[in-house]
């Protein structure tokens, strides 16, 4: 009997031990599991489309470091001893992404503007010197290159297929190395809107047209980094934020990747960006009601004789209602569509003449130069610096700029500015006085396309043109 009870006890103990052992496995703490089991649990419970997208794109995201030499005034004390002005080196930082395995990288123009030295740091901390291949101030894009091979590249998507509300992932290096390592930072949000026109009060001054809007946080240092979809494809280049405070408030903007691709191709193939030109001149909406401006339509004031628009049969009074089948409701939407055209591309326009609509095809040509040297153009412009008194009298919204007092008929027709316009920016140079216009023409004239931003009737517009030296 004693032996029987002992046998039963041993059997029950073994059964209980087996049951307890079976129960303990699911309850085992993660830190006591084998590494492979922990990894399997993480993969199953925490990996999402966003983490997969970041895994694919992050190796191609880089930090762009710059050095800019600035001249500084002589110290007051040294001035008594014949001291002269000196130099000061300023460092800057931004982001970029690799598009070719041989080291071709896309970033913002304002990230590398004026830099005397550019270097690029990869995710693992490897650093290369970089050289500038080309830059376009108008679209705020630049292409740089490092001498390396077999680098990871970013997959480019299609910004024409964006869905409002889909995931958007901003990747870059906000605030530089303040955060203590070389890993890019990731913020997420959604595509808030497409085709946004940003006409001021942004990080990186200027007129931005046809932009992608996202609520993914974009902060200083993120500029030039990629905006990515849930497939890990680049859909935009992070460029600016709208902010009354200087910090991110959930209104970030990115340059559509389809436009960036065109700009990059031009910079690599031609060394500069070719501006598509049709020869249309538009009526400027009048009035101060924003609703009237954004619904005013795209009405032709005139057509340049012999231009692509003239050859397509467009006439004064015609209204452009669609481009490639996409409706355009105002000048800003039209200019955004024109920015995405390529020189030599044939585009279908829907034109309304009276009550009749028709489709025409027009082939974009190169932007012609203003038919006079820089000095002659300046002689045909009479400007005055904006003062508080003039601003109050005429109701300008901008706080500084150069007012067009008089302009010749020729310059008015070729450039498109008129008396009363307030010039506030030329390329990335802010205009604070009439003399700033002369300096900007000296800097950019004969060297690259000039984009002049100006205020008219309370709204911002721009014109692209070239001026010979």
Protein backbone atom coordinates (compact mmCIF):
# COMPACT_ATOMS: atom_id res chain seq x y z
CA UNK A 1 0.00 0.00 0.00
CA UNK A 2 2.80 2.33 0.91
CA UNK A 3 4.53 1.57 -2.36
CA UNK A 4 1.26 2.18 -4.24
CA UNK A 5 0.73 5.59 -2.60
CA UNK A 6 4.29 6.56 -3.36
CA UNK A 7 3.79 5.60 -6.99
CA UNK A 8 0.60 7.67 -7.16
CA UNK A 9 2.35 10.65 -5.58
CA UNK A 10 5.21 10.43 -8.03
CA UNK A 11 2.78 10.21 -10.96
CA UNK A 12 0.74 13.18 -9.73
CA UNK A 13 3.91 15.21 -9.16
CA UNK A 14 5.08 14.46 -12.64
CA UNK A 15 1.67 15.41 -14.05
CA UNK A 16 1.58 18.65 -12.08
CA UNK A 17 5.12 19.48 -13.11
CA UNK A 18 4.23 18.90 -16.73
CA UNK A 19 1.15 21.08 -16.45
CA UNK A 20 3.00 23.83 -14.66
CA UNK A 21 5.77 23.69 -17.25
CA UNK A 22 3.24 23.99 -20.05
CA UNK A 23 1.54 26.93 -18.32
CA UNK A 24 4.79 28.76 -17.67
CA UNK A 25 5.91 29.06 -21.32
CA UNK A 26 3.25 31.61 -22.45
CA UNK A 27 3.70 33.57 -19.22
CA UNK A 28 7.48 33.64 -19.46
CA UNK A 29 8.90 37.18 -19.38
CA UNK A 30 10.36 38.45 -22.65
CA UNK A 31 13.77 38.92 -21.07
CA UNK A 32 13.92 35.16 -20.32
CA UNK A 33 12.96 34.12 -23.88
CA UNK A 34 15.53 33.22 -26.51
CA UNK A 35 16.48 36.21 -28.75
CA UNK A 36 14.83 34.59 -31.79
CA UNK A 37 11.52 34.28 -29.93
CA UNK A 38 11.63 37.94 -28.85
CA UNK A 39 12.32 39.07 -32.42
CA UNK A 40 9.41 37.01 -33.67
CA UNK A 41 7.09 38.62 -31.11
CA UNK A 42 8.25 42.15 -32.10
CA UNK A 43 7.78 41.40 -35.77
CA UNK A 44 4.28 40.13 -35.23
CA UNK A 45 3.01 42.83 -32.90
CA UNK A 46 4.86 46.05 -33.73
CA UNK A 47 5.90 46.09 -37.35
CA UNK A 48 3.60 48.18 -39.53
CA UNK A 49 3.56 49.69 -43.00
CA UNK A 50 5.24 52.78 -41.54
CA UNK A 51 8.11 50.87 -39.90
CA UNK A 52 8.65 48.90 -43.10
CA UNK A 53 8.67 52.12 -45.16
CA UNK A 54 11.22 53.71 -42.81
CA UNK A 55 13.40 50.59 -42.99
CA UNK A 56 13.48 50.86 -46.78
CA UNK A 57 14.12 54.60 -47.06
CA UNK A 58 16.29 55.49 -44.02
CA UNK A 59 19.62 54.17 -45.39
CA UNK A 60 19.35 56.62 -48.31
CA UNK A 61 18.67 59.69 -46.12
CA UNK A 62 21.75 61.84 -45.42
CA UNK A 63 22.74 64.83 -43.36
CA UNK A 64 24.04 67.79 -45.37
CA UNK A 65 26.54 69.99 -43.53
CA UNK A 66 27.70 73.34 -44.90
CA UNK A 67 30.19 76.06 -44.10
CA UNK A 68 29.66 79.64 -45.25
CA UNK A 69 32.28 82.36 -44.99
CA UNK A 70 30.79 85.73 -44.11
CA UNK A 71 32.51 89.08 -43.91
CA UNK A 72 32.06 90.77 -40.54
CA UNK A 73 32.69 94.43 -39.66
CA UNK A 74 35.80 95.39 -37.78
CA UNK A 75 35.63 95.50 -34.01
CA UNK A 76 35.12 99.07 -32.75
CA UNK A 77 38.24 98.89 -30.54
CA UNK A 78 40.41 97.54 -33.39
CA UNK A 79 39.19 100.32 -35.67
CA UNK A 80 41.31 102.83 -33.79
CA UNK A 81 44.39 100.76 -34.65
CA UNK A 82 43.66 100.41 -38.35
CA UNK A 83 41.78 97.13 -38.11
CA UNK A 84 39.95 95.86 -41.16
CA UNK A 85 36.83 93.80 -41.61
CA UNK A 86 37.34 90.11 -41.00
CA UNK A 87 35.73 86.81 -41.91
CA UNK A 88 33.51 84.53 -39.92
CA UNK A 89 32.58 80.94 -40.73
CA UNK A 90 28.96 79.96 -40.24
CA UNK A 91 27.91 76.33 -40.20
CA UNK A 92 24.59 75.05 -41.47
CA UNK A 93 22.79 71.76 -41.61
CA UNK A 94 19.98 70.15 -43.56
CA UNK A 95 18.94 66.85 -45.05
CA UNK A 96 18.97 65.13 -48.41
CA UNK A 97 18.47 61.75 -50.04
CA UNK A 98 20.52 59.65 -52.47
CA UNK A 99 18.94 59.02 -55.88
CA UNK A 100 21.84 57.28 -57.65
CA UNK A 101 24.25 54.68 -56.27
CA UNK A 102 27.25 56.74 -57.48
CA UNK A 103 26.47 59.47 -54.95
CA UNK A 104 23.99 61.89 -56.57
CA UNK A 105 21.93 63.54 -53.82
CA UNK A 106 18.88 65.84 -53.82
CA UNK A 107 18.41 68.59 -51.23
CA UNK A 108 16.97 72.11 -50.95
CA UNK A 109 18.73 75.04 -52.58
CA UNK A 110 18.40 77.07 -49.39
CA UNK A 111 20.31 74.36 -47.51
CA UNK A 112 23.49 74.84 -49.59
CA UNK A 113 23.03 78.47 -50.68
CA UNK A 114 26.29 80.42 -50.42
CA UNK A 115 28.20 77.46 -48.97
CA UNK A 116 31.97 77.41 -49.45
CA UNK A 117 32.16 73.81 -48.22
CA UNK A 118 29.61 70.99 -48.33
CA UNK A 119 29.88 67.58 -46.70
CA UNK A 120 27.48 64.68 -46.43
CA UNK A 121 27.12 62.23 -43.57
CA UNK A 122 25.47 58.85 -44.04
CA UNK A 123 23.34 57.07 -41.50
CA UNK A 124 26.33 55.10 -40.16
CA UNK A 125 28.39 58.24 -39.63
CA UNK A 126 30.55 57.94 -42.75
CA UNK A 127 31.30 61.43 -44.06
CA UNK A 128 32.18 62.51 -47.60
CA UNK A 129 33.05 65.89 -49.11
CA UNK A 130 30.40 66.94 -51.64
CA UNK A 131 30.36 69.21 -54.66
CA UNK A 132 27.47 71.15 -56.11
CA UNK A 133 26.24 69.93 -59.50
CA UNK A 134 23.47 72.47 -59.91
CA UNK A 135 20.87 74.50 -58.04
CA UNK A 136 17.57 76.17 -58.79
CA UNK A 137 16.49 78.96 -56.47
CA UNK A 138 13.08 79.26 -58.10
CA UNK A 139 12.03 75.75 -57.10
CA UNK A 140 14.33 75.54 -54.04
CA UNK A 141 16.12 72.40 -55.26
CA UNK A 142 19.79 71.48 -55.52
CA UNK A 143 21.80 68.47 -56.65
CA UNK A 144 25.09 67.59 -54.96
CA UNK A 145 27.43 64.63 -55.38
CA UNK A 146 29.86 62.61 -53.29
CA UNK A 147 32.53 60.30 -54.71
CA UNK A 148 31.29 56.90 -53.62
CA UNK A 149 29.86 53.74 -55.15
CA UNK A 150 27.10 51.25 -54.37
CA UNK A 151 25.27 53.62 -52.06
CA UNK A 152 21.68 52.84 -51.03
CA UNK A 153 19.16 54.81 -53.06
CA UNK A 154 15.69 56.16 -52.39
CA UNK A 155 12.85 54.81 -54.50
CA UNK A 156 10.97 57.69 -56.15
CA UNK A 157 7.17 57.56 -56.28
CA UNK A 158 4.52 59.45 -58.23
CA UNK A 159 3.18 62.66 -56.71
CA UNK A 160 0.31 62.74 -59.22
CA UNK A 161 -1.25 59.73 -57.49
CA UNK A 162 -1.42 61.10 -53.96
CA UNK A 163 -4.53 60.50 -51.89
CA UNK A 164 -5.57 63.11 -49.35
CA UNK A 165 -5.58 61.35 -45.98
CA UNK A 166 -2.97 58.71 -46.78
CA UNK A 167 0.07 58.28 -44.54
CA UNK A 168 2.95 60.70 -44.95
CA UNK A 169 6.36 60.18 -43.34
CA UNK A 170 8.91 63.00 -43.04
CA UNK A 171 12.52 61.89 -42.54
CA UNK A 172 15.51 64.11 -41.89
CA UNK A 173 17.87 65.52 -39.32
CA UNK A 174 15.98 68.16 -37.31
CA UNK A 175 18.16 70.52 -35.27
CA UNK A 176 21.36 68.88 -36.52
CA UNK A 177 23.46 66.98 -34.02
CA UNK A 178 21.81 68.52 -30.98
CA UNK A 179 20.01 65.20 -30.67
CA UNK A 180 23.33 63.38 -30.32
CA UNK A 181 23.65 60.88 -33.17
CA UNK A 182 23.58 60.45 -36.92
CA UNK A 183 20.33 58.49 -37.22
CA UNK A 184 17.61 60.35 -39.12
CA UNK A 185 14.47 61.32 -37.21
CA UNK A 186 11.02 60.19 -38.33
CA UNK A 187 7.72 62.04 -37.98
CA UNK A 188 4.40 60.86 -39.34
CA UNK A 189 1.13 62.39 -40.41
CA UNK A 190 -1.10 62.37 -43.45
CA UNK A 191 -1.31 64.11 -46.79
CA UNK A 192 -3.42 67.10 -45.78
CA UNK A 193 -3.82 68.56 -49.26
CA UNK A 194 -2.19 68.78 -52.68
CA UNK A 195 -1.70 71.72 -55.00
CA UNK A 196 -1.22 74.20 -52.15
CA UNK A 197 0.03 77.70 -53.00
CA UNK A 198 2.16 79.18 -50.23
CA UNK A 199 2.64 82.90 -50.73
CA UNK A 200 4.58 83.99 -47.65
CA UNK A 201 5.35 83.56 -43.94
CA UNK A 202 7.20 80.31 -44.45
CA UNK A 203 10.57 78.95 -43.36
CA UNK A 204 12.55 79.81 -46.46
CA UNK A 205 10.95 82.95 -47.90
CA UNK A 206 9.32 82.92 -51.28
CA UNK A 207 6.38 81.92 -53.36
CA UNK A 208 5.79 78.17 -53.41
CA UNK A 209 3.20 76.82 -55.84
CA UNK A 210 1.52 73.45 -56.21
CA UNK A 211 2.96 72.08 -52.95
CA UNK A 212 2.08 68.98 -50.95
CA UNK A 213 0.73 69.87 -47.51
CA UNK A 214 1.24 67.51 -44.57
CA UNK A 215 0.79 67.59 -40.82
CA UNK A 216 3.90 65.45 -40.29
CA UNK A 217 6.22 67.69 -38.26
CA UNK A 218 8.88 69.43 -40.35
CA UNK A 219 11.46 71.29 -38.28
CA UNK A 220 14.70 73.19 -38.94
CA UNK A 221 17.17 70.64 -40.34
CA UNK A 222 14.43 68.59 -42.03
CA UNK A 223 14.74 70.76 -45.15
CA UNK A 224 15.79 68.71 -48.16
CA UNK A 225 14.80 65.39 -46.65
CA UNK A 226 12.22 63.10 -48.24
CA UNK A 227 8.49 62.98 -47.64
CA UNK A 228 7.60 59.31 -48.03
CA UNK A 229 4.43 57.27 -48.52
CA UNK A 230 3.55 53.99 -46.80
CA UNK A 231 5.27 52.05 -49.60
CA UNK A 232 8.60 53.67 -48.77
CA UNK A 233 8.59 55.81 -51.94
CA UNK A 234 9.65 59.46 -52.00
CA UNK A 235 6.65 61.61 -52.93
CA UNK A 236 8.09 65.02 -52.06
CA UNK A 237 11.08 67.06 -50.88
CA UNK A 238 10.48 68.68 -47.48
CA UNK A 239 10.91 72.39 -48.03
CA UNK A 240 9.01 74.80 -45.81
CA UNK A 241 6.53 75.33 -43.04
CA UNK A 242 3.80 77.90 -42.55
CA UNK A 243 4.28 79.35 -39.10
CA UNK A 244 3.38 82.53 -37.25
CA UNK A 245 5.61 81.46 -34.35
CA UNK A 246 8.75 80.05 -35.97
CA UNK A 247 8.04 76.45 -34.95
CA UNK A 248 6.11 73.62 -36.54
CA UNK A 249 2.34 73.91 -36.09
CA UNK A 250 1.38 71.02 -38.35
CA UNK A 251 1.47 72.95 -41.63
CA UNK A 252 4.40 71.49 -43.54
CA UNK A 253 4.99 71.69 -47.28
CA UNK A 254 6.96 69.53 -49.69
CA UNK A 255 7.90 69.97 -53.34
CA UNK A 256 6.14 67.25 -55.39
CA UNK A 257 8.64 64.60 -56.49
CA UNK A 258 7.46 64.70 -60.11
CA UNK A 259 8.50 68.35 -60.30
CA UNK A 260 11.73 67.63 -58.43
CA UNK A 261 12.52 64.85 -60.90
CA UNK A 262 12.17 67.26 -63.83
CA UNK A 263 14.36 69.88 -62.15
CA UNK A 264 17.03 67.32 -61.28
CA UNK A 265 17.06 65.95 -64.84
CA UNK A 266 17.55 69.47 -66.22
CA UNK A 267 20.35 70.25 -63.77
CA UNK A 268 22.18 67.02 -64.57
CA UNK A 269 21.72 67.23 -68.33
CA UNK A 270 21.97 70.98 -69.00
CA UNK A 271 23.58 72.44 -65.89
CA UNK A 272 20.57 74.72 -65.41
CA UNK A 273 16.80 74.52 -65.39
CA UNK A 274 15.01 75.19 -68.65
CA UNK A 275 11.89 77.30 -68.09
CA UNK A 276 8.84 76.33 -70.14
CA UNK A 277 7.29 79.32 -71.91
CA UNK A 278 4.00 79.59 -73.77
CA UNK A 279 3.73 83.34 -74.36
CA UNK A 280 0.44 83.87 -72.56
CA UNK A 281 -0.18 87.01 -70.52
CA UNK A 282 -2.94 86.82 -67.95
CA UNK A 283 -5.42 89.28 -66.55
CA UNK A 284 -4.64 90.00 -62.91
CA UNK A 285 -7.71 89.67 -60.66
CA UNK A 286 -8.78 92.93 -59.05
CA UNK A 287 -10.24 93.47 -55.62
CA UNK A 288 -9.21 92.56 -52.08
CA UNK A 289 -11.58 89.66 -51.45
CA UNK A 290 -9.59 86.38 -51.45
CA UNK A 291 -12.67 84.50 -52.65
CA UNK A 292 -12.81 86.60 -55.80
CA UNK A 293 -9.11 86.01 -56.52
CA UNK A 294 -9.18 82.21 -56.14
CA UNK A 295 -12.28 81.90 -58.33
CA UNK A 296 -11.35 84.51 -60.96
CA UNK A 297 -10.32 81.97 -63.60
CA UNK A 298 -7.32 82.10 -65.95
CA UNK A 299 -8.17 84.73 -68.57
CA UNK A 300 -5.73 85.83 -71.27
CA UNK A 301 -5.02 89.54 -71.45
CA UNK A 302 -2.85 89.11 -74.55
CA UNK A 303 -0.71 86.59 -76.43
CA UNK A 304 2.86 87.24 -77.58
CA UNK A 305 2.99 87.16 -81.41
CA UNK A 306 4.83 84.13 -82.74
CA UNK A 307 4.77 82.39 -79.35
CA UNK A 308 3.63 78.78 -78.78
CA UNK A 309 0.30 80.11 -77.47
CA UNK A 310 -0.19 82.21 -80.62
CA UNK A 311 0.64 79.24 -82.86
CA UNK A 312 -1.96 77.20 -80.96
CA UNK A 313 -4.61 79.79 -81.80
CA UNK A 314 -5.04 81.35 -78.35
CA UNK A 315 -6.34 84.93 -78.27
CA UNK A 316 -7.00 87.71 -75.77
CA UNK A 317 -10.19 86.99 -73.82
CA UNK A 318 -9.81 83.21 -73.97
CA UNK A 319 -9.99 81.40 -70.62
CA UNK A 320 -7.83 78.37 -69.78
CA UNK A 321 -10.08 76.03 -67.82
CA UNK A 322 -8.05 72.81 -67.74
CA UNK A 323 -4.48 71.52 -68.28
CA UNK A 324 -4.08 67.84 -69.24
CA UNK A 325 -7.70 67.42 -68.18
CA UNK A 326 -7.12 68.95 -64.72
CA UNK A 327 -9.25 72.00 -63.88
CA UNK A 328 -7.50 75.29 -63.07
CA UNK A 329 -9.53 77.94 -61.25
CA UNK A 330 -7.05 80.79 -60.80
CA UNK A 331 -3.66 82.17 -61.75
CA UNK A 332 -1.88 80.28 -58.97
CA UNK A 333 -3.17 76.89 -60.07
CA UNK A 334 -2.21 77.70 -63.66
CA UNK A 335 1.32 78.75 -62.67
CA UNK A 336 1.71 75.55 -60.62
CA UNK A 337 0.75 73.48 -63.67
CA UNK A 338 3.12 75.44 -65.87
CA UNK A 339 5.97 74.77 -63.45
CA UNK A 340 5.49 71.05 -64.08
CA UNK A 341 5.78 71.36 -67.86
CA UNK A 342 9.00 70.48 -69.67
CA UNK A 343 10.54 72.42 -72.54
CA UNK A 344 9.53 70.62 -75.72
CA UNK A 345 6.53 68.94 -74.10
CA UNK A 346 3.20 69.11 -75.91
CA UNK A 347 0.38 69.87 -73.49
CA UNK A 348 -3.38 69.70 -74.02
CA UNK A 349 -5.33 72.75 -72.82
CA UNK A 350 -9.08 73.16 -72.55
CA UNK A 351 -10.01 76.68 -73.68
CA UNK A 352 -13.28 78.52 -73.18
CA UNK A 353 -14.17 81.21 -75.72
CA UNK A 354 -17.49 82.74 -74.80
CA UNK A 355 -19.79 79.79 -74.15
CA UNK A 356 -17.81 77.34 -76.29
CA UNK A 357 -15.04 75.05 -75.03
CA UNK A 358 -12.39 73.48 -77.20
CA UNK A 359 -9.14 71.58 -76.74
CA UNK A 360 -5.85 72.77 -78.18
CA UNK A 361 -2.31 71.46 -77.99
CA UNK A 362 0.62 73.74 -77.27
CA UNK A 363 4.33 72.90 -77.21
CA UNK A 364 6.33 74.61 -74.46
CA UNK A 365 9.43 76.52 -75.61
CA UNK A 366 12.46 77.93 -73.77
CA UNK A 367 11.90 81.13 -71.82
CA UNK A 368 13.14 84.04 -73.97
CA UNK A 369 15.42 86.68 -72.57
CA UNK A 370 14.20 90.20 -71.93
CA UNK A 371 15.38 92.00 -75.04
CA UNK A 372 17.73 94.42 -73.31
CA UNK A 373 20.79 94.39 -71.05
CA UNK A 374 20.37 94.74 -67.30
CA UNK A 375 21.35 98.42 -67.26
CA UNK A 376 18.70 99.31 -69.83
CA UNK A 377 15.99 97.47 -67.90
CA UNK A 378 16.88 99.33 -64.72
CA UNK A 379 16.73 102.64 -66.58
CA UNK A 380 13.17 101.84 -67.57
CA UNK A 381 12.12 101.17 -63.98
CA UNK A 382 11.60 103.92 -61.45
CA UNK A 383 11.41 102.55 -57.92
CA UNK A 384 11.08 103.95 -54.43
CA UNK A 385 11.66 102.26 -51.09
CA UNK A 386 8.49 101.37 -49.18
CA UNK A 387 7.99 103.60 -46.13
CA UNK A 388 5.40 103.33 -43.34
CA UNK A 389 3.60 106.32 -44.82
CA UNK A 390 3.40 104.81 -48.32
CA UNK A 391 2.35 101.47 -46.87
CA UNK A 392 -0.49 103.06 -44.88
CA UNK A 393 -1.61 105.17 -47.81
CA UNK A 394 -1.71 102.35 -50.37
CA UNK A 395 -2.62 99.49 -48.06
CA UNK A 396 0.28 97.15 -48.82
CA UNK A 397 0.37 94.01 -46.68
CA UNK A 398 4.13 93.51 -46.95
CA UNK A 399 6.26 95.43 -44.47
CA UNK A 400 9.13 96.12 -46.87
CA UNK A 401 9.91 96.25 -50.57
CA UNK A 402 10.39 98.53 -53.57
CA UNK A 403 7.38 100.28 -55.10
CA UNK A 404 7.20 100.55 -58.90
CA UNK A 405 6.62 104.25 -59.51
CA UNK A 406 7.03 104.20 -63.28
CA UNK A 407 7.73 101.45 -65.81
CA UNK A 408 8.20 101.62 -69.57
CA UNK A 409 5.67 99.93 -71.84
CA UNK A 410 8.35 97.57 -73.11
CA UNK A 411 9.43 96.33 -69.68
CA UNK A 412 5.81 96.16 -68.55
CA UNK A 413 4.93 93.94 -71.49
CA UNK A 414 8.04 91.74 -71.36
CA UNK A 415 8.30 91.27 -67.59
CA UNK A 416 4.67 91.77 -66.60
CA UNK A 417 5.00 94.27 -63.77
CA UNK A 418 3.12 97.55 -63.62
CA UNK A 419 2.93 100.81 -61.77
CA UNK A 420 1.97 100.32 -58.12
CA UNK A 421 3.41 96.81 -57.82
CA UNK A 422 5.51 96.23 -54.69
CA UNK A 423 8.62 94.13 -55.42
CA UNK A 424 9.33 92.08 -52.29
CA UNK A 425 11.72 89.37 -53.43
CA UNK A 426 14.02 88.46 -56.33
CA UNK A 427 14.93 84.79 -56.27
CA UNK A 428 15.87 84.20 -52.60
CA UNK A 429 16.94 87.81 -52.00
CA UNK A 430 14.46 89.76 -49.92
CA UNK A 431 13.95 93.31 -51.18
CA UNK A 432 14.03 95.94 -48.44
CA UNK A 433 14.84 98.99 -50.58
CA UNK A 434 14.94 100.20 -54.16
CA UNK A 435 18.73 99.71 -54.26
CA UNK A 436 18.25 96.03 -53.39
CA UNK A 437 16.58 95.56 -56.78
CA UNK A 438 19.67 96.88 -58.54
CA UNK A 439 21.93 94.61 -56.51
CA UNK A 440 19.72 91.59 -57.23
CA UNK A 441 19.79 92.31 -60.97
CA UNK A 442 23.57 92.59 -60.74
CA UNK A 443 23.79 89.25 -58.96
CA UNK A 444 21.41 87.25 -61.10
CA UNK A 445 21.29 89.10 -64.43
CA UNK A 446 22.82 87.09 -67.27
CA UNK A 447 23.56 84.21 -64.90
CA UNK A 448 20.24 82.51 -64.28
CA UNK A 449 16.49 82.91 -64.50
CA UNK A 450 15.13 85.66 -62.29
CA UNK A 451 11.95 85.09 -60.30
CA UNK A 452 10.46 88.36 -59.14
CA UNK A 453 7.81 88.16 -56.42
CA UNK A 454 5.60 91.19 -56.00
CA UNK A 455 2.44 92.29 -54.23
CA UNK A 456 -0.48 93.59 -56.28
CA UNK A 457 -3.92 94.40 -54.87
CA UNK A 458 -3.03 92.66 -51.63
CA UNK A 459 -1.94 89.36 -53.22
CA UNK A 460 1.44 87.90 -54.11
CA UNK A 461 2.38 87.09 -57.70
CA UNK A 462 5.59 86.28 -59.49
CA UNK A 463 7.19 86.51 -62.91
CA UNK A 464 10.06 84.52 -64.37
CA UNK A 465 12.38 86.16 -66.89
CA UNK A 466 16.02 86.41 -67.96
CA UNK A 467 18.01 89.59 -68.47
CA UNK A 468 21.21 89.89 -70.47
CA UNK A 469 24.23 91.58 -68.90
